[in-house]
Amino acid sequence: MKKPLQTLPKITLKQLSVFVSIYQTGSTSRASEELHLSQSAVSSALSELESRLQMPLFERVGRRLNHHPNAHPIYVQAQAILGQALTLEHYHKHQAGQIRIGTSTTIGNYVLPSLLATLYETLPDANVDMYIANTQEVVSEIEQLNIDIALVEGVPRPTDMKTIEQRAWRTDTLKVFAKRNSQWLIELASYNDDNGCYELSLEQLAQLPLLVREAGSGTRQIIDEQLLKHLPNAEIVMAIQQSEAIKHMVMADIGLGCLSQHVIESELASGKLVQVKVAGIDLSRTWWLVWHKARHQSPIWQTFIDILTEASISKKPQ
């Protein structure tokens, strides 16, 4: 006896595509331009989808479409379905595939390039899109399914832990640093020739101006949790979005900085900058690998995971 055929869904990819475009652009007119459809076709597709789902997805206020509370979870699922359909459609034509990688700033600027070089060696035809921002912004993009996989410096704090997968990847160390012969250190700190660095107590560091990354960055998260909590009266001169800007301001002797070892390693080696060790402070941290559980794990996605795993193993202390 033959089994009855499974009922096919009546929701179409066109309806989902229209919905996603309206969700992202905020209007049917902009969605129609983006999708090269008439505005009536866009409005009809949205109405059909709302009818199939038996729920509203937008609240119409005049000509504006505001997101209904129902819209976000449907948007996440629609992004996942459209992504898998696109992978299937282009599987043979673009077998290497496409991957959208997100990273927080330090990793994107100083670590990702060598990883991408390895990826291109393995898959010369790989199509890679990159998104570099602070940890909080990158995790938000993962939640929206706008990127496939992310490497972040701070502890991921997604709004819904059930939908996000996170795995410890590598370790990194932040370093407090200053200009060599800085005006702030000459009379206050002692220079240790054996270690090639200045040495300060917490009380001494609290008297000096600090340049730090902005709130929301992984670097700032570690500074807040492992350094500034011991320095309630520390003088924060500026919160700056770019590590390079902090580095150059410290070289101009505006104050001391605290950044990843990867950002300042060449300047420390050349002697332009010098490390400042603070007694009793450990500024090591974990870097995280993050992805959405609904994201389709394509062949290129798995290849990149393999590269990251190998890089993690090679960086472990012997």
C-alpha atoms as a PDB file:
ATOM      1  CA  MET A   1       0.000   0.000   0.000  1.00  0.00           C
ATOM      2  CA  LYS A   2       1.445   3.343  -1.053  1.00  0.00           C
ATOM      3  CA  LYS A   3       2.048   5.974   1.585  1.00  0.00           C
ATOM      4  CA  PRO A   4       0.079   9.192   1.046  1.00  0.00           C
ATOM      5  CA  LEU A   5       2.108  12.012  -0.456  1.00  0.00           C
ATOM      6  CA  GLN A   6       3.361  14.536   2.063  1.00  0.00           C
ATOM      7  CA  THR A   7       1.498  17.831   1.817  1.00  0.00           C
ATOM      8  CA  LEU A   8       3.721  20.467   0.230  1.00  0.00           C
ATOM      9  CA  PRO A   9       3.916  23.885   1.897  1.00  0.00           C
ATOM     10  CA  LYS A  10       1.919  26.609   0.194  1.00  0.00           C
ATOM     11  CA  ILE A  11       4.345  29.333   1.245  1.00  0.00           C
ATOM     12  CA  THR A  12       6.587  30.267  -1.683  1.00  0.00           C
ATOM     13  CA  LEU A  13      10.175  31.477  -1.845  1.00  0.00           C
ATOM     14  CA  LYS A  14       8.900  34.614  -3.587  1.00  0.00           C
ATOM     15  CA  GLN A  15       6.682  35.426  -0.613  1.00  0.00           C
ATOM     16  CA  LEU A  16       9.580  34.904   1.794  1.00  0.00           C
ATOM     17  CA  SER A  17      11.909  37.003  -0.368  1.00  0.00           C
ATOM     18  CA  VAL A  18       9.391  39.836  -0.479  1.00  0.00           C
ATOM     19  CA  PHE A  19       8.880  39.673   3.275  1.00  0.00           C
ATOM     20  CA  VAL A  20      12.640  39.746   3.975  1.00  0.00           C
ATOM     21  CA  SER A  21      13.120  42.726   1.658  1.00  0.00           C
ATOM     22  CA  ILE A  22      10.268  44.664   3.285  1.00  0.00           C
ATOM     23  CA  TYR A  23      11.615  43.774   6.741  1.00  0.00           C
ATOM     24  CA  GLN A  24      15.054  45.131   5.796  1.00  0.00           C
ATOM     25  CA  THR A  25      13.992  48.208   3.807  1.00  0.00           C
ATOM     26  CA  GLY A  26      10.888  49.210   5.768  1.00  0.00           C
ATOM     27  CA  SER A  27       8.540  49.740   2.814  1.00  0.00           C
ATOM     28  CA  THR A  28       6.883  47.967  -0.099  1.00  0.00           C
ATOM     29  CA  SER A  29       8.109  50.616  -2.552  1.00  0.00           C
ATOM     30  CA  ARG A  30      11.784  50.104  -1.670  1.00  0.00           C
ATOM     31  CA  ALA A  31      11.270  46.328  -1.687  1.00  0.00           C
ATOM     32  CA  SER A  32       9.740  46.519  -5.173  1.00  0.00           C
ATOM     33  CA  GLU A  33      12.797  48.448  -6.416  1.00  0.00           C
ATOM     34  CA  GLU A  34      15.189  45.977  -4.789  1.00  0.00           C
ATOM     35  CA  LEU A  35      13.398  42.906  -6.180  1.00  0.00           C
ATOM     36  CA  HIS A  36      12.464  44.467  -9.561  1.00  0.00           C
ATOM     37  CA  LEU A  37       8.774  43.733  -8.982  1.00  0.00           C
ATOM     38  CA  SER A  38       5.754  45.983  -9.204  1.00  0.00           C
ATOM     39  CA  GLN A  39       4.560  47.439  -5.938  1.00  0.00           C
ATOM     40  CA  SER A  40       1.229  45.661  -6.363  1.00  0.00           C
ATOM     41  CA  ALA A  41       3.047  42.316  -6.756  1.00  0.00           C
ATOM     42  CA  VAL A  42       5.024  42.995  -3.588  1.00  0.00           C
ATOM     43  CA  SER A  43       1.908  43.944  -1.605  1.00  0.00           C
ATOM     44  CA  SER A  44       0.078  40.883  -2.910  1.00  0.00           C
ATOM     45  CA  ALA A  45       2.936  38.527  -1.956  1.00  0.00           C
ATOM     46  CA  LEU A  46       3.046  39.978   1.563  1.00  0.00           C
ATOM     47  CA  SER A  47      -0.729  39.628   1.965  1.00  0.00           C
ATOM     48  CA  GLU A  48      -0.573  36.014   0.773  1.00  0.00           C
ATOM     49  CA  LEU A  49       2.195  35.200   3.253  1.00  0.00           C
ATOM     50  CA  GLU A  50       0.314  36.798   6.156  1.00  0.00           C
ATOM     51  CA  SER A  51      -2.755  34.823   5.109  1.00  0.00           C
ATOM     52  CA  ARG A  52      -0.807  31.534   4.983  1.00  0.00           C
ATOM     53  CA  LEU A  53       0.717  32.200   8.389  1.00  0.00           C
ATOM     54  CA  GLN A  54      -2.572  33.496   9.780  1.00  0.00           C
ATOM     55  CA  MET A  55      -0.810  36.349  11.507  1.00  0.00           C
ATOM     56  CA  PRO A  56       0.136  39.962  10.731  1.00  0.00           C
ATOM     57  CA  LEU A  57       3.830  40.685  10.109  1.00  0.00           C
ATOM     58  CA  PHE A  58       3.716  44.474   9.938  1.00  0.00           C
ATOM     59  CA  GLU A  59       1.681  47.237  11.523  1.00  0.00           C
ATOM     60  CA  ARG A  60       0.622  49.769   8.924  1.00  0.00           C
ATOM     61  CA  VAL A  61       0.872  53.373  10.150  1.00  0.00           C
ATOM     62  CA  GLY A  62       0.062  55.642   7.235  1.00  0.00           C
ATOM     63  CA  ARG A  63       2.552  54.706   4.531  1.00  0.00           C
ATOM     64  CA  ARG A  64       4.988  53.231   7.012  1.00  0.00           C
ATOM     65  CA  LEU A  65       5.297  49.539   7.878  1.00  0.00           C
ATOM     66  CA  ASN A  66       6.437  48.900  11.430  1.00  0.00           C
ATOM     67  CA  HIS A  67       7.591  45.444  12.492  1.00  0.00           C
ATOM     68  CA  HIS A  68       4.910  43.444  14.267  1.00  0.00           C
ATOM     69  CA  PRO A  69       6.198  41.346  17.231  1.00  0.00           C
ATOM     70  CA  ASN A  70       5.540  38.275  15.033  1.00  0.00           C
ATOM     71  CA  ALA A  71       7.947  39.503  12.350  1.00  0.00           C
ATOM     72  CA  HIS A  72      11.364  38.849  13.876  1.00  0.00           C
ATOM     73  CA  PRO A  73      11.142  35.048  14.401  1.00  0.00           C
ATOM     74  CA  ILE A  74       9.602  34.665  10.919  1.00  0.00           C
ATOM     75  CA  TYR A  75      12.407  36.819   9.477  1.00  0.00           C
ATOM     76  CA  VAL A  76      15.082  34.585  11.008  1.00  0.00           C
ATOM     77  CA  GLN A  77      13.455  31.436   9.610  1.00  0.00           C
ATOM     78  CA  ALA A  78      12.914  33.050   6.206  1.00  0.00           C
ATOM     79  CA  GLN A  79      16.594  34.057   6.002  1.00  0.00           C
ATOM     80  CA  ALA A  80      17.628  30.482   6.783  1.00  0.00           C
ATOM     81  CA  ILE A  81      15.289  29.004   4.143  1.00  0.00           C
ATOM     82  CA  LEU A  82      16.359  31.469   1.442  1.00  0.00           C
ATOM     83  CA  GLY A  83      20.022  30.873   2.242  1.00  0.00           C
ATOM     84  CA  GLN A  84      19.635  27.117   1.867  1.00  0.00           C
ATOM     85  CA  ALA A  85      17.691  27.551  -1.386  1.00  0.00           C
ATOM     86  CA  LEU A  86      20.451  29.797  -2.769  1.00  0.00           C
ATOM     87  CA  THR A  87      23.133  27.264  -1.802  1.00  0.00           C
ATOM     88  CA  LEU A  88      21.166  24.508  -3.554  1.00  0.00           C
ATOM     89  CA  GLU A  89      20.607  26.592  -6.667  1.00  0.00           C
ATOM     90  CA  HIS A  90      24.271  27.479  -7.082  1.00  0.00           C
ATOM     91  CA  TYR A  91      25.822  24.275  -5.770  1.00  0.00           C
ATOM     92  CA  HIS A  92      27.162  23.004  -9.095  1.00  0.00           C
ATOM     93  CA  LYS A  93      27.770  26.391 -10.693  1.00  0.00           C
ATOM     94  CA  HIS A  94      29.734  27.707  -7.718  1.00  0.00           C
ATOM     95  CA  GLN A  95      30.823  24.545  -5.951  1.00  0.00           C
ATOM     96  CA  ALA A  96      33.319  26.422  -3.768  1.00  0.00           C
ATOM     97  CA  GLY A  97      30.329  28.389  -2.512  1.00  0.00           C
ATOM     98  CA  GLN A  98      29.900  31.640  -0.683  1.00  0.00           C
ATOM     99  CA  ILE A  99      30.533  32.406   2.954  1.00  0.00           C
ATOM    100  CA  ARG A 100      29.840  35.551   4.952  1.00  0.00           C
ATOM    101  CA  ILE A 101      32.328  35.927   7.793  1.00  0.00           C
ATOM    102  CA  GLY A 102      31.975  38.375  10.648  1.00  0.00           C
ATOM    103  CA  THR A 103      34.761  39.334  13.034  1.00  0.00           C
ATOM    104  CA  SER A 104      35.326  41.776  15.811  1.00  0.00           C
ATOM    105  CA  THR A 105      37.846  44.491  15.035  1.00  0.00           C
ATOM    106  CA  THR A 106      41.137  43.102  16.317  1.00  0.00           C
ATOM    107  CA  ILE A 107      40.607  39.667  14.776  1.00  0.00           C
ATOM    108  CA  GLY A 108      39.432  41.170  11.487  1.00  0.00           C
ATOM    109  CA  ASN A 109      42.423  43.470  11.141  1.00  0.00           C
ATOM    110  CA  TYR A 110      45.243  41.320  12.481  1.00  0.00           C
ATOM    111  CA  VAL A 111      44.272  37.611  12.426  1.00  0.00           C
ATOM    112  CA  LEU A 112      41.677  37.036   9.702  1.00  0.00           C
ATOM    113  CA  PRO A 113      43.915  37.844   6.688  1.00  0.00           C
ATOM    114  CA  SER A 114      46.113  34.761   7.193  1.00  0.00           C
ATOM    115  CA  LEU A 115      43.019  32.578   7.707  1.00  0.00           C
ATOM    116  CA  LEU A 116      41.516  33.862   4.455  1.00  0.00           C
ATOM    117  CA  ALA A 117      44.785  33.176   2.642  1.00  0.00           C
ATOM    118  CA  THR A 118      44.546  29.547   3.764  1.00  0.00           C
ATOM    119  CA  LEU A 119      40.895  29.386   2.678  1.00  0.00           C
ATOM    120  CA  TYR A 120      41.750  30.689  -0.801  1.00  0.00           C
ATOM    121  CA  GLU A 121      44.621  28.201  -1.080  1.00  0.00           C
ATOM    122  CA  THR A 122      42.138  25.396  -0.336  1.00  0.00           C
ATOM    123  CA  LEU A 123      39.248  26.824  -2.393  1.00  0.00           C
ATOM    124  CA  PRO A 124      40.599  29.285  -5.009  1.00  0.00           C
ATOM    125  CA  ASP A 125      37.089  30.101  -6.264  1.00  0.00           C
ATOM    126  CA  ALA A 126      35.662  30.831  -2.814  1.00  0.00           C
ATOM    127  CA  ASN A 127      33.353  33.844  -2.623  1.00  0.00           C
ATOM    128  CA  VAL A 128      33.907  35.580   0.727  1.00  0.00           C
ATOM    129  CA  ASP A 129      32.056  38.560   2.195  1.00  0.00           C
ATOM    130  CA  MET A 130      33.409  40.147   5.377  1.00  0.00           C
ATOM    131  CA  TYR A 131      31.768  42.175   8.122  1.00  0.00           C
ATOM    132  CA  ILE A 132      34.063  43.772  10.723  1.00  0.00           C
ATOM    133  CA  ALA A 133      32.606  45.580  13.739  1.00  0.00           C
ATOM    134  CA  ASN A 134      32.685  45.323  17.524  1.00  0.00           C
ATOM    135  CA  THR A 135      31.631  42.094  19.252  1.00  0.00           C
ATOM    136  CA  GLN A 136      28.137  43.269  20.150  1.00  0.00           C
ATOM    137  CA  GLU A 137      27.355  44.342  16.580  1.00  0.00           C
ATOM    138  CA  VAL A 138      28.755  41.126  15.063  1.00  0.00           C
ATOM    139  CA  VAL A 139      26.700  38.894  17.376  1.00  0.00           C
ATOM    140  CA  SER A 140      23.602  40.907  16.416  1.00  0.00           C
ATOM    141  CA  GLU A 141      24.312  40.158  12.735  1.00  0.00           C
ATOM    142  CA  ILE A 142      24.614  36.451  13.554  1.00  0.00           C
ATOM    143  CA  GLU A 143      21.208  36.582  15.261  1.00  0.00           C
ATOM    144  CA  GLN A 144      19.709  38.177  12.140  1.00  0.00           C
ATOM    145  CA  LEU A 145      21.301  35.457   9.950  1.00  0.00           C
ATOM    146  CA  ASN A 146      23.077  38.168   7.959  1.00  0.00           C
ATOM    147  CA  ILE A 147      26.443  36.422   8.370  1.00  0.00           C
ATOM    148  CA  ASP A 148      27.278  32.718   8.428  1.00  0.00           C
ATOM    149  CA  ILE A 149      29.979  32.500  11.066  1.00  0.00           C
ATOM    150  CA  ALA A 150      31.797  34.917  13.349  1.00  0.00           C
ATOM    151  CA  LEU A 151      35.004  35.223  15.343  1.00  0.00           C
ATOM    152  CA  VAL A 152      34.676  37.565  18.312  1.00  0.00           C
ATOM    153  CA  GLU A 153      36.904  38.730  21.135  1.00  0.00           C
ATOM    154  CA  GLY A 154      34.316  39.304  23.840  1.00  0.00           C
ATOM    155  CA  VAL A 155      32.097  36.719  25.476  1.00  0.00           C
ATOM    156  CA  PRO A 156      29.071  36.448  23.132  1.00  0.00           C
ATOM    157  CA  ARG A 157      25.871  37.697  24.744  1.00  0.00           C
ATOM    158  CA  PRO A 158      23.056  36.861  22.324  1.00  0.00           C
ATOM    159  CA  THR A 159      19.489  37.736  23.218  1.00  0.00           C
ATOM    160  CA  ASP A 160      18.427  34.116  22.668  1.00  0.00           C
ATOM    161  CA  MET A 161      21.020  31.542  23.715  1.00  0.00           C
ATOM    162  CA  LYS A 162      18.866  28.706  22.322  1.00  0.00           C
ATOM    163  CA  THR A 163      19.456  29.856  18.740  1.00  0.00           C
ATOM    164  CA  ILE A 164      23.189  30.643  18.940  1.00  0.00           C
ATOM    165  CA  GLU A 165      26.052  28.158  19.011  1.00  0.00           C
ATOM    166  CA  GLN A 166      29.319  29.378  20.536  1.00  0.00           C
ATOM    167  CA  ARG A 167      32.644  27.607  20.962  1.00  0.00           C
ATOM    168  CA  ALA A 168      35.915  28.723  22.571  1.00  0.00           C
ATOM    169  CA  TRP A 169      38.468  29.148  19.772  1.00  0.00           C
ATOM    170  CA  ARG A 170      41.793  30.688  20.851  1.00  0.00           C
ATOM    171  CA  THR A 171      43.337  32.658  23.680  1.00  0.00           C
ATOM    172  CA  ASP A 172      44.734  36.175  23.496  1.00  0.00           C
ATOM    173  CA  THR A 173      46.364  38.568  25.960  1.00  0.00           C
ATOM    174  CA  LEU A 174      45.773  42.292  26.330  1.00  0.00           C
ATOM    175  CA  LYS A 175      48.750  44.450  27.220  1.00  0.00           C
ATOM    176  CA  VAL A 176      48.925  47.841  28.891  1.00  0.00           C
ATOM    177  CA  PHE A 177      51.488  49.908  26.984  1.00  0.00           C
ATOM    178  CA  ALA A 178      53.031  53.350  26.686  1.00  0.00           C
ATOM    179  CA  LYS A 179      55.435  55.359  24.588  1.00  0.00           C
ATOM    180  CA  ARG A 180      59.050  54.581  25.450  1.00  0.00           C
ATOM    181  CA  ASN A 181      60.320  57.276  27.842  1.00  0.00           C
ATOM    182  CA  SER A 182      56.740  58.497  28.295  1.00  0.00           C
ATOM    183  CA  GLN A 183      56.269  61.603  30.418  1.00  0.00           C
ATOM    184  CA  TRP A 184      53.735  59.628  32.471  1.00  0.00           C
ATOM    185  CA  LEU A 185      56.221  56.939  33.500  1.00  0.00           C
ATOM    186  CA  ILE A 186      59.611  58.596  33.950  1.00  0.00           C
ATOM    187  CA  GLU A 187      59.127  59.561  37.598  1.00  0.00           C
ATOM    188  CA  LEU A 188      56.374  57.132  38.572  1.00  0.00           C
ATOM    189  CA  ALA A 189      57.433  53.711  37.295  1.00  0.00           C
ATOM    190  CA  SER A 190      60.583  51.612  37.303  1.00  0.00           C
ATOM    191  CA  TYR A 191      61.923  50.028  34.108  1.00  0.00           C
ATOM    192  CA  ASN A 192      62.811  46.346  34.335  1.00  0.00           C
ATOM    193  CA  ASP A 193      65.693  45.709  31.941  1.00  0.00           C
ATOM    194  CA  ASP A 194      65.404  41.933  32.272  1.00  0.00           C
ATOM    195  CA  ASN A 195      61.746  41.880  31.170  1.00  0.00           C
ATOM    196  CA  GLY A 196      61.970  44.914  28.882  1.00  0.00           C
ATOM    197  CA  CYS A 197      58.949  46.645  30.424  1.00  0.00           C
ATOM    198  CA  TYR A 198      57.791  49.146  33.017  1.00  0.00           C
ATOM    199  CA  GLU A 199      56.196  47.857  36.216  1.00  0.00           C
ATOM    200  CA  LEU A 200      53.320  49.600  37.977  1.00  0.00           C
ATOM    201  CA  SER A 201      51.036  48.918  40.884  1.00  0.00           C
ATOM    202  CA  LEU A 202      47.274  49.328  40.525  1.00  0.00           C
ATOM    203  CA  GLU A 203      47.455  52.466  42.637  1.00  0.00           C
ATOM    204  CA  GLN A 204      50.047  53.973  40.293  1.00  0.00           C
ATOM    205  CA  LEU A 205      48.097  53.054  37.154  1.00  0.00           C
ATOM    206  CA  ALA A 206      44.976  54.712  38.580  1.00  0.00           C
ATOM    207  CA  GLN A 207      46.840  58.038  38.513  1.00  0.00           C
ATOM    208  CA  LEU A 208      47.570  57.874  34.777  1.00  0.00           C
ATOM    209  CA  PRO A 209      45.372  58.756  31.766  1.00  0.00           C
ATOM    210  CA  LEU A 210      44.023  55.713  29.902  1.00  0.00           C
ATOM    211  CA  LEU A 211      42.865  55.394  26.290  1.00  0.00           C
ATOM    212  CA  VAL A 212      40.472  52.449  25.838  1.00  0.00           C
ATOM    213  CA  ARG A 213      38.129  50.908  23.272  1.00  0.00           C
ATOM    214  CA  GLU A 214      34.440  51.779  23.182  1.00  0.00           C
ATOM    215  CA  ALA A 215      31.682  49.980  25.104  1.00  0.00           C
ATOM    216  CA  GLY A 216      30.444  46.965  23.134  1.00  0.00           C
ATOM    217  CA  SER A 217      33.886  45.897  21.936  1.00  0.00           C
ATOM    218  CA  GLY A 218      35.411  42.627  23.150  1.00  0.00           C
ATOM    219  CA  THR A 219      38.578  44.439  24.211  1.00  0.00           C
ATOM    220  CA  ARG A 220      36.600  46.876  26.368  1.00  0.00           C
ATOM    221  CA  GLN A 221      34.656  44.009  27.950  1.00  0.00           C
ATOM    222  CA  ILE A 222      37.894  42.451  29.243  1.00  0.00           C
ATOM    223  CA  ILE A 223      39.270  45.835  30.341  1.00  0.00           C
ATOM    224  CA  ASP A 224      36.085  46.497  32.327  1.00  0.00           C
ATOM    225  CA  GLU A 225      35.966  43.041  33.915  1.00  0.00           C
ATOM    226  CA  GLN A 226      39.646  42.401  34.591  1.00  0.00           C
ATOM    227  CA  LEU A 227      41.262  45.826  34.931  1.00  0.00           C
ATOM    228  CA  LEU A 228      38.929  48.757  35.533  1.00  0.00           C
ATOM    229  CA  LYS A 229      36.982  46.975  38.279  1.00  0.00           C
ATOM    230  CA  HIS A 230      40.199  47.307  40.314  1.00  0.00           C
ATOM    231  CA  LEU A 231      40.534  50.979  39.343  1.00  0.00           C
ATOM    232  CA  PRO A 232      37.255  52.673  40.303  1.00  0.00           C
ATOM    233  CA  ASN A 233      38.891  56.109  40.178  1.00  0.00           C
ATOM    234  CA  ALA A 234      40.947  55.592  37.016  1.00  0.00           C
ATOM    235  CA  GLU A 235      41.118  58.492  34.569  1.00  0.00           C
ATOM    236  CA  ILE A 236      39.609  57.358  31.247  1.00  0.00           C
ATOM    237  CA  VAL A 237      40.667  60.051  28.799  1.00  0.00           C
ATOM    238  CA  MET A 238      38.821  58.683  25.756  1.00  0.00           C
ATOM    239  CA  ALA A 239      36.806  55.702  24.573  1.00  0.00           C
ATOM    240  CA  ILE A 240      37.816  55.135  20.941  1.00  0.00           C
ATOM    241  CA  GLN A 241      36.378  52.816  18.286  1.00  0.00           C
ATOM    242  CA  GLN A 242      39.636  52.067  16.444  1.00  0.00           C
ATOM    243  CA  SER A 243      42.631  50.248  17.919  1.00  0.00           C
ATOM    244  CA  GLU A 244      44.967  51.946  15.439  1.00  0.00           C
ATOM    245  CA  ALA A 245      43.850  55.360  16.695  1.00  0.00           C
ATOM    246  CA  ILE A 246      44.589  54.353  20.295  1.00  0.00           C
ATOM    247  CA  LYS A 247      48.022  53.074  19.293  1.00  0.00           C
ATOM    248  CA  HIS A 248      48.985  56.313  17.539  1.00  0.00           C
ATOM    249  CA  MET A 249      47.636  58.473  20.369  1.00  0.00           C
ATOM    250  CA  VAL A 250      49.779  56.522  22.831  1.00  0.00           C
ATOM    251  CA  MET A 251      52.800  57.035  20.550  1.00  0.00           C
ATOM    252  CA  ALA A 252      51.966  60.769  20.750  1.00  0.00           C
ATOM    253  CA  ASP A 253      52.140  60.351  24.573  1.00  0.00           C
ATOM    254  CA  ILE A 254      48.550  61.404  25.246  1.00  0.00           C
ATOM    255  CA  GLY A 255      48.210  58.553  27.732  1.00  0.00           C
ATOM    256  CA  LEU A 256      48.562  54.789  28.205  1.00  0.00           C
ATOM    257  CA  GLY A 257      46.642  52.210  26.178  1.00  0.00           C
ATOM    258  CA  CYS A 258      45.427  48.651  26.611  1.00  0.00           C
ATOM    259  CA  LEU A 259      45.044  46.505  23.488  1.00  0.00           C
ATOM    260  CA  SER A 260      45.574  42.983  22.189  1.00  0.00           C
ATOM    261  CA  GLN A 261      49.156  41.806  21.809  1.00  0.00           C
ATOM    262  CA  HIS A 262      48.438  41.371  18.073  1.00  0.00           C
ATOM    263  CA  VAL A 263      47.839  45.111  17.617  1.00  0.00           C
ATOM    264  CA  ILE A 264      51.111  46.335  19.108  1.00  0.00           C
ATOM    265  CA  GLU A 265      53.579  43.477  18.573  1.00  0.00           C
ATOM    266  CA  SER A 266      55.571  45.217  15.806  1.00  0.00           C
ATOM    267  CA  GLU A 267      55.805  48.488  17.778  1.00  0.00           C
ATOM    268  CA  LEU A 268      56.942  46.627  20.888  1.00  0.00           C
ATOM    269  CA  ALA A 269      59.565  44.806  18.829  1.00  0.00           C
ATOM    270  CA  SER A 270      60.853  48.057  17.297  1.00  0.00           C
ATOM    271  CA  GLY A 271      60.893  49.875  20.641  1.00  0.00           C
ATOM    272  CA  LYS A 272      58.385  52.561  19.661  1.00  0.00           C
ATOM    273  CA  LEU A 273      56.120  51.294  22.427  1.00  0.00           C
ATOM    274  CA  VAL A 274      56.885  49.535  25.683  1.00  0.00           C
ATOM    275  CA  GLN A 275      54.773  47.169  27.758  1.00  0.00           C
ATOM    276  CA  VAL A 276      53.580  48.232  31.194  1.00  0.00           C
ATOM    277  CA  LYS A 277      53.034  45.296  33.535  1.00  0.00           C
ATOM    278  CA  VAL A 278      50.516  45.854  36.313  1.00  0.00           C
ATOM    279  CA  ALA A 279      51.045  43.788  39.441  1.00  0.00           C
ATOM    280  CA  GLY A 280      48.293  41.251  40.153  1.00  0.00           C
ATOM    281  CA  ILE A 281      46.405  41.729  36.858  1.00  0.00           C
ATOM    282  CA  ASP A 282      45.744  38.967  34.318  1.00  0.00           C
ATOM    283  CA  LEU A 283      44.445  40.284  30.984  1.00  0.00           C
ATOM    284  CA  SER A 284      44.198  36.990  29.107  1.00  0.00           C
ATOM    285  CA  ARG A 285      40.938  36.219  27.328  1.00  0.00           C
ATOM    286  CA  THR A 286      39.203  33.686  25.110  1.00  0.00           C
ATOM    287  CA  TRP A 287      38.244  34.302  21.505  1.00  0.00           C
ATOM    288  CA  TRP A 288      34.943  32.756  20.424  1.00  0.00           C
ATOM    289  CA  LEU A 289      33.530  31.106  17.326  1.00  0.00           C
ATOM    290  CA  VAL A 290      29.811  31.884  16.896  1.00  0.00           C
ATOM    291  CA  TRP A 291      27.073  30.845  14.454  1.00  0.00           C
ATOM    292  CA  HIS A 292      23.294  30.559  14.273  1.00  0.00           C
ATOM    293  CA  LYS A 293      21.913  27.047  14.685  1.00  0.00           C
ATOM    294  CA  ALA A 294      19.537  27.592  11.772  1.00  0.00           C
ATOM    295  CA  ARG A 295      22.370  28.518   9.401  1.00  0.00           C
ATOM    296  CA  HIS A 296      22.954  25.991   6.616  1.00  0.00           C
ATOM    297  CA  GLN A 297      26.434  24.497   7.077  1.00  0.00           C
ATOM    298  CA  SER A 298      27.650  24.380   3.478  1.00  0.00           C
ATOM    299  CA  PRO A 299      30.866  22.700   2.266  1.00  0.00           C
ATOM    300  CA  ILE A 300      32.772  25.999   2.379  1.00  0.00           C
ATOM    301  CA  TRP A 301      31.444  26.602   5.907  1.00  0.00           C
ATOM    302  CA  GLN A 302      32.897  23.254   7.029  1.00  0.00           C
ATOM    303  CA  THR A 303      36.188  23.945   5.250  1.00  0.00           C
ATOM    304  CA  PHE A 304      36.526  27.238   7.119  1.00  0.00           C
ATOM    305  CA  ILE A 305      35.752  25.475  10.423  1.00  0.00           C
ATOM    306  CA  ASP A 306      38.547  22.993   9.668  1.00  0.00           C
ATOM    307  CA  ILE A 307      40.965  25.877   9.010  1.00  0.00           C
ATOM    308  CA  LEU A 308      39.987  27.552  12.283  1.00  0.00           C
ATOM    309  CA  THR A 309      40.429  24.299  14.196  1.00  0.00           C
ATOM    310  CA  GLU A 310      43.905  23.789  12.723  1.00  0.00           C
ATOM    311  CA  ALA A 311      44.851  27.402  13.518  1.00  0.00           C
ATOM    312  CA  SER A 312      43.656  26.947  17.100  1.00  0.00           C
ATOM    313  CA  ILE A 313      45.752  23.791  17.550  1.00  0.00           C
ATOM    314  CA  SER A 314      48.866  25.436  16.072  1.00  0.00           C
ATOM    315  CA  LYS A 315      48.610  28.377  18.495  1.00  0.00           C
ATOM    316  CA  LYS A 316      48.401  26.263  21.641  1.00  0.00           C
ATOM    317  CA  PRO A 317      51.540  26.495  23.819  1.00  0.00           C
ATOM    318  CA  GLN A 318      53.868  23.542  23.378  1.00  0.00           C
END
